[in-house]
Protein backbone atom coordinates (compact mmCIF):
# COMPACT_ATOMS: atom_id res chain seq x y z
CA MET A 1 84.55 -20.72 49.04
CA ALA A 2 80.73 -20.30 50.20
CA ALA A 3 81.52 -16.84 51.29
CA ALA A 4 82.47 -16.20 47.44
CA GLY A 5 79.39 -17.26 46.52
CA VAL A 6 79.97 -20.94 45.66
CA VAL A 7 76.83 -23.21 45.34
CA ASP A 8 76.54 -25.55 47.93
CA ALA A 9 79.85 -25.02 49.48
CA ALA A 10 78.48 -24.95 52.90
CA ASP A 11 77.47 -28.04 52.82
CA THR A 12 79.88 -29.97 51.15
CA TRP A 13 83.11 -31.46 52.42
CA MET A 14 85.92 -29.22 50.95
CA VAL A 15 89.34 -31.18 50.18
CA GLN A 16 92.54 -29.25 49.13
CA GLU A 17 92.07 -30.24 45.62
CA SER A 18 88.87 -28.92 44.95
CA PHE A 19 89.77 -25.60 46.73
CA GLU A 20 92.96 -25.51 44.31
CA LYS A 21 91.41 -25.49 41.52
CA TRP A 22 88.68 -23.15 42.76
CA LEU A 23 91.22 -20.85 43.65
CA ALA A 24 93.18 -20.99 40.11
CA MET A 25 89.88 -20.07 38.55
CA VAL A 26 88.82 -17.08 40.37
CA ALA A 27 91.67 -15.31 41.98
CA VAL A 28 95.21 -13.83 40.90
CA PRO A 29 98.00 -13.83 43.88
CA GLY A 30 98.18 -11.12 45.82
CA GLY A 31 95.52 -8.55 48.01
CA ASN A 32 95.10 -6.06 50.47
CA ASP A 33 93.61 -7.12 54.19
CA SER A 34 91.84 -4.09 54.45
CA ASN A 35 89.20 -4.61 51.33
CA ALA A 36 86.93 -7.17 50.22
CA GLY A 37 87.96 -10.29 48.54
CA THR A 38 91.34 -11.02 49.46
CA VAL A 39 91.14 -14.98 49.95
CA LEU A 40 93.64 -15.34 52.81
CA VAL A 41 95.27 -19.00 52.63
CA TRP A 42 97.84 -20.88 55.30
CA ARG A 43 100.06 -23.73 53.95
CA SER A 44 102.28 -25.99 55.49
CA PRO A 45 106.09 -25.97 54.39
CA THR A 46 105.34 -28.31 51.42
CA GLY A 47 103.03 -25.93 50.11
CA LEU A 48 99.54 -27.94 51.02
CA ALA A 49 96.26 -25.36 51.94
CA GLN A 50 95.96 -26.01 55.50
CA HIS A 51 93.73 -22.77 56.57
CA ALA A 52 91.41 -20.17 54.28
CA ALA A 53 89.80 -16.96 55.49
CA ILE A 54 88.41 -14.09 52.80
CA THR A 55 88.21 -10.85 53.83
CA VAL A 56 84.97 -8.92 53.77
CA GLY A 57 85.91 -4.68 53.96
CA GLY A 58 86.58 -1.98 56.59
CA GLY A 59 89.84 -4.22 57.40
CA TYR A 60 87.34 -7.39 58.67
CA ALA A 61 87.61 -11.06 57.68
CA LEU A 62 85.73 -14.51 57.78
CA HIS A 63 86.78 -17.69 58.93
CA LYS A 64 85.55 -21.09 60.01
CA PRO A 65 88.36 -22.11 62.91
CA SER A 66 87.73 -25.63 61.81
CA GLN A 67 85.59 -28.09 59.75
CA GLY A 68 83.69 -29.67 62.10
CA TRP A 69 80.20 -28.66 62.10
CA MET A 70 80.36 -27.24 65.76
CA SER A 71 82.29 -24.72 64.43
CA PRO A 72 81.07 -21.34 64.64
CA ARG A 73 81.28 -18.81 61.24
CA LYS A 74 83.71 -15.85 62.79
CA VAL A 75 83.97 -12.02 61.65
CA LEU A 76 87.08 -10.80 63.27
CA THR A 77 89.91 -7.81 62.43
CA SER A 78 91.75 -9.02 59.82
CA ARG A 79 94.84 -8.81 62.13
CA GLU A 80 92.85 -11.27 64.55
CA VAL A 81 91.85 -13.55 62.08
CA ILE A 82 95.29 -13.67 60.80
CA ALA A 83 96.75 -13.95 64.28
CA SER A 84 94.18 -16.72 65.05
CA ALA A 85 95.60 -19.07 62.17
CA ARG A 86 99.35 -18.20 63.19
CA GLN A 87 100.95 -21.80 63.41
CA SER A 88 104.70 -22.70 63.42
CA GLY A 89 105.73 -23.64 60.05
CA ARG A 90 102.80 -22.26 57.75
CA ARG A 91 102.88 -19.43 55.51
CA LEU A 92 100.20 -16.78 54.75
CA SER A 93 99.34 -16.59 50.98
CA ARG A 94 96.58 -13.88 49.87
CA TYR A 95 94.94 -14.24 47.04
CA THR A 96 92.39 -11.25 45.14
CA LEU A 97 89.34 -12.30 44.00
CA VAL A 98 88.78 -11.23 39.94
CA GLY A 99 86.74 -14.80 38.58
CA ALA A 100 82.75 -16.05 38.74
CA VAL A 101 82.50 -18.09 41.10
């Protein structure tokens, strides 16, 4: 959310409810891993958001592997980000940012 311009998001513990509300307000389903502004969301088998990242263009994406303060923010290829967050039972959804943050 911070990468998409949400004020104070980088310093706030994000919970699923706030994330889902924000996503519904600013994005539509679908997206392209090569373009900037695609939110990648990994969901549990029950549909709960487990991890998210955002594409920054040129085939790259930004993600933070965990919510721990010590976890670095990383820019990798979109393919590398997708592979690094792969986990049994999770499914990947894509959303395109279209609304105001």
